[in-house]
Protein backbone atom coordinates (compact mmCIF):
# COMPACT_ATOMS: atom_id res chain seq x y z
CA MET A 1 0.00 0.00 0.00
CA SER A 2 1.20 3.51 -0.78
CA GLN A 3 1.51 5.90 2.10
CA VAL A 4 0.18 9.47 2.25
CA PRO A 5 2.35 11.92 4.18
CA GLU A 6 0.81 13.81 7.07
CA CYS A 7 2.51 17.12 6.40
CA ILE A 8 2.46 19.29 3.29
CA ALA A 9 4.87 18.06 0.67
CA SER A 10 8.20 19.76 0.00
CA GLU A 11 8.78 21.85 -3.11
CA ASP A 12 10.56 18.93 -4.80
CA GLU A 13 7.40 16.84 -4.45
CA ASP A 14 4.98 19.44 -5.82
CA ASP A 15 4.88 17.84 -9.27
CA ALA A 16 3.77 14.54 -7.77
CA LEU A 17 1.19 16.26 -5.59
CA GLU A 18 -0.11 18.75 -8.17
CA ALA A 19 -3.50 17.11 -7.86
CA VAL A 20 -4.88 13.91 -6.49
CA ALA A 21 -4.97 11.29 -9.21
CA ALA A 22 -8.37 11.11 -10.87
CA PRO A 23 -9.08 7.46 -9.87
CA SER A 24 -8.27 8.23 -6.23
CA THR A 25 -10.43 11.34 -6.21
CA LEU A 26 -13.29 9.37 -7.74
CA LEU A 27 -12.86 6.63 -5.14
CA PHE A 28 -12.99 9.14 -2.27
CA ALA A 29 -16.02 10.89 -3.80
CA VAL A 30 -17.94 7.63 -4.30
CA ALA A 31 -17.03 6.36 -0.84
CA THR A 32 -18.16 9.51 0.95
CA GLY A 33 -21.35 9.62 -1.13
CA VAL A 34 -22.26 6.00 -0.35
CA ILE A 35 -21.57 6.29 3.38
CA VAL A 36 -23.42 9.56 3.92
CA ILE A 37 -26.66 8.18 2.44
CA ASN A 38 -27.28 6.49 5.79
CA LEU A 39 -27.33 9.82 7.61
CA PHE A 40 -29.96 11.66 5.60
CA ALA A 41 -32.26 8.90 4.35
CA PRO A 42 -34.30 8.94 7.59
CA GLN A 43 -35.36 12.53 6.86
CA THR A 44 -37.68 11.37 4.10
CA LEU A 45 -38.70 8.16 5.89
CA VAL A 46 -40.00 9.72 9.11
CA GLY A 47 -43.57 9.62 7.83
CA ILE A 48 -43.27 5.84 7.36
CA ILE A 49 -40.98 4.74 10.18
CA GLY A 50 -42.70 6.85 12.85
CA PRO A 51 -46.20 5.32 12.58
CA SER A 52 -44.85 1.79 12.02
CA LEU A 53 -42.95 1.93 15.31
CA GLY A 54 -45.41 3.97 17.36
CA PHE A 55 -43.90 7.47 17.22
CA SER A 56 -46.07 10.60 17.15
CA GLU A 57 -45.55 13.26 14.46
CA SER A 58 -43.41 15.35 16.79
CA GLY A 59 -41.52 12.28 18.00
CA ALA A 60 -40.86 11.11 14.45
CA GLY A 61 -38.21 13.82 14.17
CA LEU A 62 -36.10 11.73 16.55
CA VAL A 63 -35.66 9.17 13.78
CA ALA A 64 -34.00 11.78 11.58
CA MET A 65 -32.05 13.16 14.52
CA ALA A 66 -30.55 9.87 15.77
CA SER A 67 -28.13 9.19 12.93
CA LEU A 68 -27.03 12.85 12.75
CA LEU A 69 -26.42 12.98 16.50
CA GLY A 70 -24.49 9.71 16.30
CA TYR A 71 -22.43 11.10 13.44
CA ALA A 72 -21.56 14.21 15.46
CA THR A 73 -20.56 12.01 18.40
CA GLY A 74 -18.33 9.94 16.14
CA LEU A 75 -16.71 13.09 14.82
CA PHE A 76 -15.79 14.20 18.34
CA PHE A 77 -14.64 10.83 19.70
CA LEU A 78 -13.72 8.59 16.74
CA VAL A 79 -12.38 10.89 14.01
CA PRO A 80 -9.61 12.28 16.29
CA LEU A 81 -8.17 8.76 16.20
CA ALA A 82 -7.06 9.65 12.66
CA ASP A 83 -4.29 11.69 14.31
CA LEU A 84 -3.27 8.67 16.38
CA MET A 85 -3.87 5.49 14.36
CA GLU A 86 -3.12 4.33 10.82
CA ASN A 87 -6.05 5.71 8.84
CA ARG A 88 -6.69 2.87 6.39
CA GLN A 89 -7.30 0.28 9.10
CA LEU A 90 -9.37 2.76 11.10
CA VAL A 91 -11.64 3.47 8.11
CA LEU A 92 -12.16 -0.24 7.39
CA ARG A 93 -13.04 -1.04 10.99
CA MET A 94 -15.56 1.78 11.12
CA LEU A 95 -17.15 0.66 7.85
CA LEU A 96 -17.56 -2.88 9.18
CA SER A 97 -19.21 -1.43 12.30
CA ALA A 98 -21.56 0.59 10.09
CA LEU A 99 -22.45 -2.57 8.17
CA VAL A 100 -23.37 -4.38 11.41
CA MET A 101 -25.54 -1.48 12.56
CA ALA A 102 -27.33 -1.29 9.20
CA VAL A 103 -28.23 -4.97 9.56
CA ALA A 104 -29.42 -4.31 13.12
CA ALA A 105 -31.61 -1.42 11.89
CA THR A 106 -33.17 -3.77 9.36
CA LEU A 107 -34.23 -6.08 12.19
CA ALA A 108 -35.05 -3.45 14.86
CA PRO A 109 -38.12 -4.66 16.83
CA THR A 110 -39.03 -1.33 18.50
CA GLY A 111 -38.71 2.38 17.89
CA TRP A 112 -36.24 2.92 20.71
CA SER A 113 -34.02 0.06 19.56
CA LEU A 114 -34.01 1.59 16.07
CA LEU A 115 -32.93 4.93 17.51
CA ILE A 116 -29.98 3.24 19.23
CA PHE A 117 -28.95 1.38 16.08
CA LEU A 118 -29.24 4.54 13.96
CA PHE A 119 -27.18 6.47 16.50
CA LEU A 120 -24.39 3.86 16.34
CA LEU A 121 -24.68 3.67 12.54
CA GLY A 122 -24.23 7.44 12.36
CA ALA A 123 -21.19 7.27 14.64
CA ALA A 124 -19.54 4.65 12.41
CA CYS A 125 -20.30 6.73 9.31
CA SER A 126 -17.99 9.44 10.64
CA ALA A 127 -15.33 7.48 8.72
CA ILE A 128 -16.17 9.98 5.97
CA GLN A 129 -14.19 12.64 7.79
CA ILE A 130 -11.12 10.44 7.85
CA LEU A 131 -11.32 10.01 4.09
CA VAL A 132 -11.57 13.75 3.41
CA PRO A 133 -8.31 14.65 5.24
CA ILE A 134 -6.51 11.88 3.34
CA ALA A 135 -7.52 13.59 0.10
CA ALA A 136 -6.58 17.00 1.51
CA ALA A 137 -3.14 15.74 2.59
CA MET A 138 -2.44 14.53 -0.95
CA ALA A 139 -2.89 17.99 -2.46
CA PRO A 140 -0.68 21.10 -2.17
CA PRO A 141 -2.34 24.11 -0.48
CA GLU A 142 -2.93 26.02 -3.71
CA HIS A 143 -5.07 23.16 -5.07
CA ARG A 144 -6.60 21.94 -1.83
CA GLY A 145 -9.88 23.79 -2.31
CA ARG A 146 -10.41 22.15 -5.71
CA VAL A 147 -9.58 18.67 -4.40
CA ILE A 148 -11.82 19.06 -1.36
CA GLY A 149 -14.55 20.47 -3.61
CA ASN A 150 -14.33 17.44 -5.91
CA VAL A 151 -14.53 14.97 -3.02
CA MET A 152 -17.30 17.03 -1.45
CA SER A 153 -19.25 16.76 -4.69
CA GLY A 154 -19.55 13.04 -4.02
CA LEU A 155 -20.53 13.72 -0.44
CA MET A 156 -23.20 16.24 -1.43
CA VAL A 157 -24.57 13.98 -4.17
CA GLY A 158 -24.89 11.25 -1.53
CA ILE A 159 -26.69 13.63 0.83
CA LEU A 160 -29.08 14.88 -1.82
CA VAL A 161 -29.72 11.52 -3.48
CA SER A 162 -30.25 9.76 -0.14
CA ARG A 163 -33.77 11.09 0.26
CA PRO A 164 -35.21 10.13 -3.14
CA LEU A 165 -33.38 6.80 -3.06
CA ALA A 166 -34.73 5.96 0.38
CA SER A 167 -38.25 7.04 -0.64
CA LEU A 168 -38.25 4.87 -3.75
CA ILE A 169 -36.93 1.79 -1.97
CA ALA A 170 -39.39 2.28 0.90
CA ASP A 171 -42.26 2.76 -1.55
CA PHE A 172 -41.60 -0.56 -3.30
CA TRP A 173 -40.09 -2.76 -0.59
CA GLY A 174 -40.52 -1.01 2.77
CA TRP A 175 -38.13 1.04 4.89
CA ARG A 176 -36.42 -2.00 6.42
CA ASN A 177 -35.18 -3.10 3.03
CA PHE A 178 -33.51 0.26 2.57
CA TYR A 179 -31.18 -0.61 5.44
CA ALA A 180 -30.68 -4.13 4.12
CA MET A 181 -29.53 -2.67 0.79
CA SER A 182 -27.37 -0.17 2.62
CA ALA A 183 -25.62 -3.01 4.47
CA ALA A 184 -24.88 -4.77 1.17
CA THR A 185 -23.51 -1.56 -0.35
CA LEU A 186 -21.29 -0.91 2.66
CA ALA A 187 -19.88 -4.43 2.36
CA LEU A 188 -18.97 -3.82 -1.28
CA LEU A 189 -17.44 -0.44 -0.48
CA ALA A 190 -15.34 -1.90 2.34
CA ALA A 191 -13.97 -4.51 -0.06
CA MET A 192 -13.05 -1.83 -2.62
CA LEU A 193 -11.36 0.40 -0.07
CA ALA A 194 -9.43 -2.54 1.38
CA LEU A 195 -7.80 -2.93 -2.04
CA ARG A 196 -7.35 0.73 -3.04
CA LEU A 197 -7.16 2.94 0.03
CA PRO A 198 -3.61 4.24 0.70
CA GLU A 199 -2.07 4.15 4.14
CA ARG A 200 -1.78 7.36 6.13
CA ARG A 201 0.27 7.27 9.31
CA PRO A 202 -0.01 10.29 11.62
CA LEU A 203 3.00 11.93 13.23
CA VAL A 204 1.30 12.60 16.56
CA SER A 205 2.58 10.51 19.47
CA THR A 206 0.24 10.89 22.42
CA SER A 207 -2.55 9.14 24.31
CA TYR A 208 -6.19 9.05 23.23
CA ARG A 209 -7.18 10.89 26.40
CA ALA A 210 -4.74 13.72 25.67
CA LEU A 211 -5.90 13.78 22.06
CA ILE A 212 -9.55 14.27 23.04
CA GLY A 213 -8.51 16.82 25.65
CA SER A 214 -6.79 18.85 22.95
CA LEU A 215 -10.07 19.41 21.09
CA PHE A 216 -11.13 22.27 23.35
CA GLN A 217 -7.69 23.81 23.08
CA LEU A 218 -7.85 23.73 19.28
CA LEU A 219 -11.30 25.31 19.33
CA ARG A 220 -10.06 28.03 21.69
CA GLU A 221 -6.91 28.77 19.68
CA GLU A 222 -8.42 28.85 16.19
CA PRO A 223 -10.97 31.66 15.60
CA VAL A 224 -11.41 30.56 11.98
CA LEU A 225 -12.44 27.11 13.19
CA ARG A 226 -14.93 28.57 15.67
CA LEU A 227 -16.54 30.87 13.10
CA ARG A 228 -16.72 28.35 10.27
CA ALA A 229 -18.05 25.58 12.51
CA PHE A 230 -20.73 27.87 13.97
CA THR A 231 -22.02 29.20 10.65
CA ALA A 232 -21.96 25.68 9.19
CA ALA A 233 -24.02 24.46 12.17
CA MET A 234 -26.62 27.16 11.61
CA MET A 235 -26.83 26.39 7.90
CA MET A 236 -27.10 22.68 8.58
CA ALA A 237 -29.93 23.30 11.05
CA SER A 238 -31.79 25.18 8.32
CA PHE A 239 -31.11 22.37 5.84
CA SER A 240 -32.33 19.63 8.19
CA LEU A 241 -35.44 21.56 9.22
CA PHE A 242 -36.51 21.95 5.61
CA TRP A 243 -35.80 18.43 4.41
CA THR A 244 -37.25 16.70 7.48
CA SER A 245 -40.51 18.67 7.14
CA VAL A 246 -40.98 19.03 3.38
CA ALA A 247 -42.17 15.43 3.01
CA LEU A 248 -45.04 16.23 5.40
CA ARG A 249 -45.96 19.34 3.38
CA LEU A 250 -45.81 17.55 0.03
CA ALA A 251 -48.20 14.88 1.26
CA GLN A 252 -50.85 17.58 1.84
CA PRO A 253 -53.00 19.50 -0.69
CA PRO A 254 -52.51 21.04 -3.15
CA PHE A 255 -49.54 18.73 -3.83
CA SER A 256 -50.85 15.45 -2.33
CA LEU A 257 -47.74 13.52 -3.38
CA GLY A 258 -47.14 9.89 -2.53
CA GLN A 259 -43.78 8.45 -1.53
CA SER A 260 -42.64 8.14 -5.15
CA GLY A 261 -43.58 11.76 -5.88
CA ILE A 262 -41.73 12.92 -2.78
CA ALA A 263 -38.71 10.92 -3.99
CA LEU A 264 -38.75 12.75 -7.33
CA PHE A 265 -39.01 16.09 -5.56
CA ALA A 266 -36.02 15.23 -3.36
CA LEU A 267 -34.05 14.36 -6.47
CA VAL A 268 -34.43 17.96 -7.67
CA GLY A 269 -32.37 19.12 -4.71
CA ALA A 270 -29.40 17.13 -5.99
CA GLY A 271 -28.76 19.98 -8.42
CA GLY A 272 -27.27 21.93 -5.53
CA ALA A 273 -24.25 19.60 -5.52
CA ALA A 274 -23.04 21.24 -8.74
CA ALA A 275 -22.10 24.32 -6.71
CA THR A 276 -19.55 22.47 -4.57
CA SER A 277 -16.59 22.66 -6.93
CA ALA A 278 -17.42 26.26 -7.88
CA PHE A 279 -17.32 27.40 -4.26
CA GLY A 280 -14.04 25.55 -3.75
CA ARG A 281 -12.50 27.45 -6.66
CA MET A 282 -13.80 30.75 -5.30
CA GLY A 283 -12.03 29.98 -2.05
CA ASP A 284 -8.78 29.27 -3.93
CA ARG A 285 -9.09 32.71 -5.59
CA GLY A 286 -9.39 34.53 -2.27
CA TRP A 287 -13.14 35.21 -2.45
CA THR A 288 -14.01 33.29 0.71
CA ARG A 289 -15.76 36.07 2.64
CA THR A 290 -17.84 37.36 -0.29
CA ALA A 291 -18.84 33.85 -1.37
CA THR A 292 -19.78 32.90 2.19
CA LEU A 293 -22.07 35.89 2.65
CA ALA A 294 -23.64 35.14 -0.73
CA ALA A 295 -24.33 31.57 0.39
CA HIS A 296 -26.13 32.84 3.51
CA LEU A 297 -28.25 35.27 1.49
CA ILE A 298 -29.20 32.47 -0.91
CA VAL A 299 -30.56 30.44 2.02
CA LEU A 300 -32.69 33.37 3.22
CA ALA A 301 -34.07 33.87 -0.30
CA ALA A 302 -34.77 30.14 -0.55
CA MET A 303 -36.84 30.14 2.63
CA ALA A 304 -38.82 33.18 1.50
CA LEU A 305 -39.65 31.41 -1.77
CA ALA A 306 -40.47 28.15 0.04
CA THR A 307 -42.89 29.96 2.35
CA TRP A 308 -44.72 31.52 -0.58
CA ALA A 309 -44.87 28.32 -2.64
CA GLY A 310 -45.98 26.19 0.30
CA GLU A 311 -48.63 28.52 1.72
CA ILE A 312 -50.29 30.25 -1.24
CA SER A 313 -53.88 29.05 -1.53
CA THR A 314 -54.44 29.87 -5.21
CA GLY A 315 -52.60 28.99 -8.38
CA ASP A 316 -51.55 25.95 -10.33
CA SER A 317 -50.23 23.24 -8.00
CA VAL A 318 -47.64 22.22 -10.61
CA VAL A 319 -46.27 25.77 -10.79
CA LEU A 320 -46.17 25.99 -7.01
CA LEU A 321 -44.35 22.65 -6.88
CA ILE A 322 -41.78 23.94 -9.36
CA PHE A 323 -41.14 27.03 -7.22
CA LEU A 324 -40.90 24.88 -4.09
CA GLY A 325 -38.35 22.72 -5.92
CA LEU A 326 -36.41 25.84 -6.89
CA SER A 327 -36.30 26.88 -3.25
CA ALA A 328 -34.90 23.44 -2.37
CA VAL A 329 -32.11 23.82 -4.95
CA MET A 330 -31.30 27.30 -3.66
CA LEU A 331 -31.17 26.04 -0.08
CA ASP A 332 -28.82 23.22 -1.05
CA VAL A 333 -26.57 25.61 -3.00
CA GLY A 334 -26.29 27.95 -0.02
CA VAL A 335 -25.58 25.20 2.50
CA THR A 336 -23.12 23.51 0.15
CA GLY A 337 -21.28 26.77 -0.45
CA ASP A 338 -20.85 27.60 3.23
CA GLN A 339 -19.74 24.06 4.03
CA THR A 340 -17.22 23.82 1.17
CA LEU A 341 -15.64 27.19 1.98
CA GLY A 342 -15.52 26.32 5.66
CA ARG A 343 -13.85 22.99 4.95
CA ARG A 344 -11.22 24.65 2.83
CA ALA A 345 -10.50 27.23 5.51
CA VAL A 346 -10.08 24.75 8.37
CA ASN A 347 -7.96 22.36 6.29
CA LEU A 348 -5.37 25.12 5.92
CA LEU A 349 -4.90 25.55 9.67
CA LYS A 350 -2.72 22.85 11.26
CA PRO A 351 -1.68 19.82 9.18
CA GLU A 352 -0.57 17.88 12.27
CA ALA A 353 -4.08 18.24 13.77
CA ARG A 354 -6.10 17.85 10.59
CA GLY A 355 -8.12 14.88 11.84
CA ARG A 356 -9.12 16.64 15.05
CA ILE A 357 -9.88 19.92 13.25
CA ASN A 358 -12.09 18.14 10.73
CA GLY A 359 -13.77 16.24 13.54
CA LEU A 360 -14.53 19.47 15.40
CA PHE A 361 -15.71 21.35 12.33
CA VAL A 362 -18.03 18.67 10.99
CA GLY A 363 -19.11 17.50 14.44
CA ILE A 364 -20.30 20.98 15.38
CA PHE A 365 -22.17 21.54 12.13
CA PHE A 366 -23.84 18.13 12.41
CA LEU A 367 -24.98 19.05 15.90
CA GLY A 368 -26.75 21.86 14.09
CA GLY A 369 -28.24 19.32 11.71
CA ALA A 370 -29.45 17.17 14.59
CA LEU A 371 -30.99 20.26 16.21
CA GLY A 372 -32.82 21.13 13.00
CA SER A 373 -34.20 17.59 12.62
CA ALA A 374 -35.29 17.48 16.26
CA LEU A 375 -37.08 20.84 15.94
CA ALA A 376 -38.84 19.90 12.70
CA GLY A 377 -41.70 18.03 14.35
CA THR A 378 -42.16 20.70 17.01
CA ALA A 379 -42.19 23.52 14.45
CA TRP A 380 -44.66 21.59 12.29
CA ASP A 381 -47.00 21.01 15.25
CA PHE A 382 -46.70 24.64 16.35
CA GLY A 383 -47.33 26.49 13.12
CA GLY A 384 -47.16 24.15 10.13
CA TRP A 385 -45.12 25.02 7.06
CA ILE A 386 -44.82 28.73 7.91
CA ALA A 387 -43.22 27.93 11.26
CA VAL A 388 -40.82 25.48 9.61
CA CYS A 389 -39.68 28.03 7.03
CA ALA A 390 -39.44 30.81 9.62
CA ALA A 391 -37.26 28.68 11.86
CA ALA A 392 -35.05 27.62 8.94
CA ALA A 393 -34.69 31.26 7.86
CA GLY A 394 -33.85 32.21 11.44
CA PHE A 395 -30.88 29.86 11.46
CA GLY A 396 -29.73 31.28 8.13
CA LEU A 397 -30.01 34.82 9.49
CA ILE A 398 -27.89 33.92 12.51
CA ALA A 399 -25.20 32.56 10.17
CA LEU A 400 -25.32 35.76 8.08
CA ILE A 401 -24.97 38.00 11.14
CA ALA A 402 -22.03 35.93 12.45
CA GLY A 403 -20.32 36.14 9.07
CA LEU A 404 -20.83 39.90 8.84
CA ALA A 405 -19.52 40.40 12.36
CA ALA A 406 -16.33 38.47 11.64
CA ARG A 407 -13.23 40.47 10.77
CA ALA A 408 -12.26 38.23 7.85
């Protein structure tokens, strides 16, 4: 197995590291896309899983929250191991754990047991954030935004395709078979990565306890990390609120969509993934602040459009559905942009702590995602679609204010 260096390459090695080889980039993109499907699929399945296991409408949001909360936990307590252990073996062990939990979810007898299995599945899926730093370490700083953007394209496609894919499988074969298919896919992916994934040995020599203890110190010392993690968390909360609730709105008049129709709607949002590479290039050109503020404004505009399209009582339902789909694409573009720019910024901080920095950054923004999913049911019960959109816009506004208040 080839070995990826932890630190940035010397000038003599720049030619070899000019860009990650296309097959490797594709492998990382596919892997992250396949793994992340398990985190966001429950958002579109809450309307099916909840009633089948005895959850109320407000409690159904816990199904979408469990995997995201588990993922955030894994990012804080498992991903830092990337700075301590050989990364290839760590990734493979986590994938095998995810496979076991997907099988357990397929067989879950009760709602609470499913929540536990989804939490553990989400924690194991944090292997994604060990793959991303491997790709980042293989690229010189001047091309890192492009490489991260390309890998993130796979991640975002997985996020955005997860909902329609889960809806279609659940519509034809039931939600349990979605997890059965996920387990089979994870097994295939683990076999591919076992053959192709390069080794990456960290330079840190310390204990796990000291490593975890250093997380707070990193967060305290790095203002860029604090800002980017916070705004990403707010954007992710907005994203999760919308996508956890939109299935409930689409099932009502004037749309009255079934599970297959909801799946097609969710597929529209996948168009937002096209913005990932573009935002990465903007970061490489020094436009990070301007592009970030634009991403936040796009989210606010998306929620305004979603409110109008979802609440207007007159007009052609097809036209309204098109505008609601446009708002979904805009939301995904804004969230993708903020996340990609934030990733690029934090990956330029400390190469020797890249695993921990990525764990902190993504863990914090997935806590935002878990918060958004958990609030979806409550917002829906409180004020329906208007309350959902208002809450999602509120998170976007907080991100915008934080970005404007920052010095850089």
